[in-house]
C-alpha cells in the first residue's frame, strides 16, 4: 500500500536533545513500520539539520524523493517541554516547510498511485504550503484522505479548519480539540456524539470521526453511531508521536480490512507502545511488526493486549 503524508519535517528539541519529528513525518515513519511504502511531501532548509533529516528519512523507511529544499529559510525546529510525559510546544516560524511548492511534486502523481493521503493543520499556517495542499486535494484522487487536526497554539484559523474539513474522508482529533472545533462550527460546546453528528452533517465527505482520549482509548463515529474503543494502560515515558502512531496503525489496518473498530483497537495498542518509549518513532518489536504486516489477516484477537 502506498501512503503519502504532506507537511512538516522538523526537529523536536526535547531536554536539549534533537529528535526528528513533525506529525506528518511521524505518521509516514510509523506507516513504514507497519509495512507500507511510505512517502512524504515536505521542504527542508539547505542546512545541517536539513541534510541530516533528509538522510534519516531513509533510515526510517520513508521515501525522501518528494522533499524540497529552501536555500534561504532554515529547517523547522520545535522546542518541546515535557510535564508528566505530556508535551508542550514552541514552534518556530518562517521556516522551510511553510513554503512547499506544488510544481516540484506534481509529477509524482503520474508515477505513483497513493492509497492514503495524510495532512494536518500546522503546515497550512502559510499561504504557499496551504495552496499546494489544496491543489493536491482538488486535482488528485485517493482511496482515503486522513485529516489529523493536531491543533497547536497560534498556528490555525477557522478558515484553515473549515477548508481542511471539506476534503477529508476520515477526521481525527482529540478530546481537548472537540470543544474548540465545536465553537468554531456552531458557536457552542458539544458533547462528543453531538459534535460527530454535526461535523458529518456539515461535511458529508467525512465518513469516520475518531476522537482520541489518551489512556481512555478512543471514540469512533461511523454510520451515525459513536463507539468507545478502550485504551491500554501504560506508564508514559514520552507521549510525543503516540497520536501519530495511532493514526498510521489505524489507516494501515482499516485500509486492509475496512473494519474501523478493530483498526482502532490495534491503533490504541500501538499508540500506548510509543507513549511508553522515548522518542516519537521508537523501533517496533519483531512481534509487533508481524502483527501489523501479517496479523491483520486474522483480526479475531486484536482486542487482546499484544504489547
Protein backbone atom coordinates (compact mmCIF):
# COMPACT_ATOMS: atom_id res chain seq x y z
CA UNK A 1 0.00 0.00 0.00
CA UNK A 2 1.30 3.48 -0.89
CA UNK A 3 0.90 6.11 1.83
CA UNK A 4 1.59 9.80 1.25
CA UNK A 5 1.95 12.38 4.02
CA UNK A 6 2.03 16.13 3.41
CA UNK A 7 3.56 18.64 5.79
CA UNK A 8 6.29 19.45 8.21
CA UNK A 9 9.53 17.63 8.80
CA UNK A 10 11.22 19.27 11.76
CA UNK A 11 13.42 18.70 14.77
CA UNK A 12 11.87 18.45 18.22
CA UNK A 13 14.33 19.71 20.84
CA UNK A 14 13.46 17.69 23.96
CA UNK A 15 15.57 18.19 27.08
CA UNK A 16 18.39 19.53 24.93
CA UNK A 17 18.37 16.60 22.51
CA UNK A 18 17.32 16.70 18.85
CA UNK A 19 14.63 14.28 17.69
CA UNK A 20 13.46 14.10 14.10
CA UNK A 21 9.73 14.73 14.03
CA UNK A 22 6.72 16.67 12.85
CA UNK A 23 3.35 14.92 12.83
CA UNK A 24 3.36 14.17 9.06
CA UNK A 25 6.86 12.73 9.25
CA UNK A 26 5.99 10.70 12.34
CA UNK A 27 2.91 9.37 10.55
CA UNK A 28 4.98 8.44 7.49
CA UNK A 29 7.63 6.72 9.61
CA UNK A 30 5.06 4.73 11.56
CA UNK A 31 3.27 3.84 8.31
CA UNK A 32 6.57 2.44 7.04
CA UNK A 33 6.99 0.34 10.19
CA UNK A 34 3.51 -1.02 9.56
CA UNK A 35 4.83 -2.42 6.27
CA UNK A 36 3.68 0.22 3.78
CA UNK A 37 5.50 2.09 1.04
CA UNK A 38 5.67 5.49 2.70
CA UNK A 39 6.30 8.90 1.09
CA UNK A 40 6.31 12.48 2.35
CA UNK A 41 5.99 15.86 0.66
CA UNK A 42 7.84 18.47 2.68
CA UNK A 43 10.57 21.14 2.48
CA UNK A 44 13.85 21.42 4.36
CA UNK A 45 16.38 24.18 4.73
CA UNK A 46 19.71 23.75 2.98
CA UNK A 47 21.48 23.48 6.32
CA UNK A 48 22.99 20.84 8.59
CA UNK A 49 19.68 19.86 10.19
CA UNK A 50 18.00 19.69 6.80
CA UNK A 51 20.66 17.40 5.35
CA UNK A 52 20.52 15.25 8.45
CA UNK A 53 16.72 14.99 8.27
CA UNK A 54 16.83 14.13 4.57
CA UNK A 55 19.31 11.32 5.17
CA UNK A 56 17.49 9.97 8.22
CA UNK A 57 14.19 9.67 6.34
CA UNK A 58 15.59 6.63 4.54
CA UNK A 59 16.67 5.10 7.83
CA UNK A 60 13.04 5.29 8.97
CA UNK A 61 11.83 3.71 5.74
CA UNK A 62 10.34 6.93 4.34
CA UNK A 63 10.92 7.77 0.68
CA UNK A 64 12.59 11.21 0.54
CA UNK A 65 12.32 11.83 -3.21
CA UNK A 66 9.45 14.32 -2.81
CA UNK A 67 11.27 16.54 -0.30
CA UNK A 68 12.13 20.05 -1.49
CA UNK A 69 14.99 22.35 -0.45
CA UNK A 70 14.95 26.01 0.52
CA UNK A 71 18.17 27.97 0.06
CA UNK A 72 17.34 30.79 2.48
CA UNK A 73 14.99 29.58 5.21
CA UNK A 74 16.03 27.11 7.93
CA UNK A 75 14.73 23.64 8.63
CA UNK A 76 11.87 23.65 11.13
CA UNK A 77 12.54 23.41 14.86
CA UNK A 78 10.15 22.94 17.78
CA UNK A 79 11.19 23.44 21.39
CA UNK A 80 9.37 20.77 23.43
CA UNK A 81 8.96 20.74 27.19
CA UNK A 82 7.57 17.70 28.99
CA UNK A 83 5.44 17.67 32.13
CA UNK A 84 4.43 14.23 33.41
CA UNK A 85 5.30 12.91 29.95
CA UNK A 86 2.93 15.29 28.15
CA UNK A 87 4.48 17.69 25.61
CA UNK A 88 4.12 21.46 25.26
CA UNK A 89 5.40 23.04 22.06
CA UNK A 90 7.08 26.30 20.95
CA UNK A 91 7.04 26.18 17.16
CA UNK A 92 9.46 28.41 15.31
CA UNK A 93 8.00 30.45 12.45
CA UNK A 94 9.05 31.27 8.89
CA UNK A 95 10.82 28.00 8.13
CA UNK A 96 11.26 25.86 5.03
CA UNK A 97 8.12 23.71 5.37
CA UNK A 98 5.97 26.86 5.22
CA UNK A 99 6.89 27.14 1.52
CA UNK A 100 6.16 23.74 -0.05
CA UNK A 101 5.62 24.25 -3.80
CA UNK A 102 3.20 22.27 -5.95
CA UNK A 103 5.18 22.31 -9.22
CA UNK A 104 8.05 20.47 -7.58
CA UNK A 105 5.91 17.43 -6.74
CA UNK A 106 3.04 17.31 -9.23
CA UNK A 107 4.88 14.82 -11.45
CA UNK A 108 4.86 12.31 -8.58
CA UNK A 109 1.16 11.71 -9.18
CA UNK A 110 1.96 10.50 -12.69
CA UNK A 111 4.41 7.91 -11.32
CA UNK A 112 2.54 6.65 -8.26
CA UNK A 113 -0.97 5.86 -7.13
CA UNK A 114 -1.44 6.67 -3.45
CA UNK A 115 -3.98 4.81 -1.35
CA UNK A 116 -3.83 7.05 1.72
CA UNK A 117 -3.20 10.80 1.87
CA UNK A 118 -2.48 12.42 5.25
CA UNK A 119 -2.36 16.09 6.23
CA UNK A 120 -2.64 18.25 9.33
CA UNK A 121 -3.19 21.85 10.32
CA UNK A 122 0.22 23.36 11.13
CA UNK A 123 1.59 23.25 7.59
CA UNK A 124 -1.32 25.42 6.42
CA UNK A 125 -0.32 28.46 8.50
CA UNK A 126 1.44 29.90 5.42
CA UNK A 127 -0.37 30.52 2.15
CA UNK A 128 2.23 28.83 -0.05
CA UNK A 129 2.02 25.41 1.57
CA UNK A 130 -1.74 25.81 2.08
CA UNK A 131 -2.22 26.48 -1.64
CA UNK A 132 -0.11 23.45 -2.56
CA UNK A 133 -2.16 21.23 -0.27
CA UNK A 134 -5.42 22.49 -1.76
CA UNK A 135 -4.19 21.77 -5.30
CA UNK A 136 -3.25 18.22 -4.33
CA UNK A 137 -6.62 17.62 -2.70
CA UNK A 138 -8.64 19.04 -5.58
CA UNK A 139 -6.65 17.66 -8.52
CA UNK A 140 -5.80 14.12 -7.37
CA UNK A 141 -7.71 11.08 -6.15
CA UNK A 142 -7.04 8.92 -3.07
CA UNK A 143 -8.89 5.98 -1.55
CA UNK A 144 -8.70 7.56 1.91
CA UNK A 145 -7.96 11.15 2.94
CA UNK A 146 -6.96 11.42 6.59
CA UNK A 147 -7.02 14.79 8.37
CA UNK A 148 -5.37 14.88 11.80
CA UNK A 149 -6.42 18.20 13.33
CA UNK A 150 -3.43 18.41 15.72
CA UNK A 151 -4.04 21.99 16.87
CA UNK A 152 -1.03 23.98 18.00
CA UNK A 153 -1.42 27.42 19.60
CA UNK A 154 -1.21 30.43 17.29
CA UNK A 155 -0.96 28.28 14.14
CA UNK A 156 -4.57 27.92 12.95
CA UNK A 157 -7.68 29.85 11.96
CA UNK A 158 -11.31 28.95 11.46
CA UNK A 159 -10.82 29.28 7.69
CA UNK A 160 -7.99 26.72 7.75
CA UNK A 161 -10.07 24.27 9.78
CA UNK A 162 -13.15 24.59 7.58
CA UNK A 163 -11.11 24.18 4.38
CA UNK A 164 -9.44 21.09 5.84
CA UNK A 165 -12.76 19.54 6.80
CA UNK A 166 -14.09 19.97 3.26
CA UNK A 167 -11.67 17.42 1.82
CA UNK A 168 -11.09 14.58 4.27
CA UNK A 169 -12.89 11.24 4.45
CA UNK A 170 -11.52 10.39 7.91
CA UNK A 171 -11.22 13.01 10.65
CA UNK A 172 -9.09 12.55 13.76
CA UNK A 173 -8.91 14.88 16.75
CA UNK A 174 -8.51 14.55 20.49
CA UNK A 175 -10.96 15.19 23.32
CA UNK A 176 -9.48 18.65 24.01
CA UNK A 177 -9.96 19.69 20.39
CA UNK A 178 -13.66 18.80 20.27
CA UNK A 179 -14.84 21.95 22.15
CA UNK A 180 -12.52 24.16 20.08
CA UNK A 181 -13.97 22.91 16.79
CA UNK A 182 -17.49 22.87 18.22
CA UNK A 183 -17.32 26.60 18.99
CA UNK A 184 -15.84 27.30 15.57
CA UNK A 185 -18.52 25.40 13.69
CA UNK A 186 -21.70 26.08 15.68
CA UNK A 187 -20.73 28.58 18.38
CA UNK A 188 -21.24 26.30 21.38
CA UNK A 189 -19.74 23.33 23.23
CA UNK A 190 -20.98 19.96 22.07
CA UNK A 191 -20.52 16.57 23.65
CA UNK A 192 -18.63 14.06 21.52
CA UNK A 193 -21.62 12.39 19.86
CA UNK A 194 -23.28 15.73 19.09
CA UNK A 195 -20.07 17.04 17.60
CA UNK A 196 -19.65 13.99 15.37
CA UNK A 197 -23.23 14.25 14.15
CA UNK A 198 -22.84 17.95 13.37
CA UNK A 199 -19.48 17.73 11.64
CA UNK A 200 -20.57 14.84 9.40
CA UNK A 201 -23.76 16.69 8.51
CA UNK A 202 -21.89 19.90 7.67
CA UNK A 203 -19.18 17.98 5.79
CA UNK A 204 -20.77 14.83 4.32
CA UNK A 205 -17.44 13.82 2.78
CA UNK A 206 -16.38 12.74 6.31
CA UNK A 207 -17.29 9.07 6.78
CA UNK A 208 -15.41 8.34 10.02
CA UNK A 209 -14.58 10.54 13.02
CA UNK A 210 -12.00 9.41 15.57
CA UNK A 211 -11.70 11.16 18.93
CA UNK A 212 -8.63 10.04 20.85
CA UNK A 213 -8.62 10.16 24.64
CA UNK A 214 -5.10 9.11 25.75
CA UNK A 215 -5.24 6.19 28.24
CA UNK A 216 -9.02 6.03 27.85
CA UNK A 217 -8.59 4.87 24.27
CA UNK A 218 -10.71 6.49 21.59
CA UNK A 219 -14.24 7.09 20.37
CA UNK A 220 -15.18 6.01 16.88
CA UNK A 221 -18.09 7.55 14.96
CA UNK A 222 -19.26 5.63 11.92
CA UNK A 223 -22.69 5.19 10.33
CA UNK A 224 -24.16 7.71 12.80
CA UNK A 225 -23.06 5.68 15.82
CA UNK A 226 -20.44 6.54 18.45
CA UNK A 227 -18.50 3.61 19.93
CA UNK A 228 -15.92 3.64 22.70
CA UNK A 229 -12.82 1.57 21.99
CA UNK A 230 -10.94 1.02 25.30
CA UNK A 231 -7.31 2.03 25.69
CA UNK A 232 -4.29 0.16 27.01
CA UNK A 233 -2.75 1.05 30.40
CA UNK A 234 0.86 2.21 30.03
CA UNK A 235 3.46 4.05 32.09
CA UNK A 236 4.01 7.14 29.93
CA UNK A 237 7.64 7.93 29.20
CA UNK A 238 7.19 10.34 26.31
CA UNK A 239 3.85 10.93 24.60
CA UNK A 240 5.40 12.66 21.58
CA UNK A 241 4.45 10.69 18.47
CA UNK A 242 1.90 8.43 20.16
CA UNK A 243 -1.03 10.03 18.34
CA UNK A 244 0.79 9.80 15.01
CA UNK A 245 1.49 6.12 15.63
CA UNK A 246 -2.21 5.62 16.34
CA UNK A 247 -3.11 7.33 13.06
CA UNK A 248 -0.70 5.25 10.98
CA UNK A 249 -1.74 1.95 12.55
CA UNK A 250 -5.43 2.79 12.16
CA UNK A 251 -5.06 3.61 8.48
CA UNK A 252 -2.93 0.54 7.85
CA UNK A 253 -5.45 -1.86 9.36
CA UNK A 254 -8.57 -0.07 8.13
CA UNK A 255 -7.29 0.13 4.55
CA UNK A 256 -6.72 -3.62 4.53
CA UNK A 257 -9.78 -4.80 6.46
CA UNK A 258 -12.38 -1.99 6.25
CA UNK A 259 -13.05 -2.75 9.92
CA UNK A 260 -12.79 0.57 11.76
CA UNK A 261 -13.42 -0.79 15.27
CA UNK A 262 -10.69 -3.42 15.11
CA UNK A 263 -8.38 -0.91 13.44
CA UNK A 264 -8.94 1.46 16.36
CA UNK A 265 -8.33 -1.31 18.89
CA UNK A 266 -4.97 -2.18 17.39
CA UNK A 267 -4.10 1.50 16.93
CA UNK A 268 -4.72 2.10 20.65
CA UNK A 269 -2.12 -0.54 21.43
CA UNK A 270 0.44 0.92 19.03
CA UNK A 271 -0.11 4.38 20.50
CA UNK A 272 0.38 3.01 24.01
CA UNK A 273 3.57 1.24 22.93
CA UNK A 274 5.01 4.52 21.62
CA UNK A 275 3.92 6.51 24.68
CA UNK A 276 5.86 4.07 26.83
CA UNK A 277 9.08 4.61 24.88
CA UNK A 278 11.46 7.54 24.43
CA UNK A 279 11.17 9.39 21.11
CA UNK A 280 8.41 9.86 18.55
CA UNK A 281 9.26 6.81 16.41
CA UNK A 282 10.73 4.01 18.54
CA UNK A 283 11.54 0.80 16.71
CA UNK A 284 8.75 -1.75 16.81
CA UNK A 285 9.47 -5.20 18.15
CA UNK A 286 9.56 -8.10 15.68
CA UNK A 287 6.34 -9.40 17.24
CA UNK A 288 4.61 -6.06 16.77
CA UNK A 289 5.75 -5.79 13.16
CA UNK A 290 4.50 -9.29 12.48
CA UNK A 291 1.08 -8.42 13.90
CA UNK A 292 0.90 -5.34 11.68
CA UNK A 293 2.15 -6.93 8.48
CA UNK A 294 0.60 -10.39 8.82
CA UNK A 295 -1.81 -10.32 11.74
CA UNK A 296 -4.39 -8.15 10.02
CA UNK A 297 -5.34 -11.23 8.03
CA UNK A 298 -6.89 -12.56 11.21
CA UNK A 299 -8.33 -9.78 13.36
CA UNK A 300 -10.09 -12.03 15.86
CA UNK A 301 -7.51 -11.42 18.61
CA UNK A 302 -6.84 -7.73 18.11
CA UNK A 303 -8.70 -6.86 21.31
CA UNK A 304 -6.11 -8.82 23.29
CA UNK A 305 -3.07 -6.97 24.58
CA UNK A 306 -0.24 -7.56 22.10
CA UNK A 307 2.40 -5.36 23.75
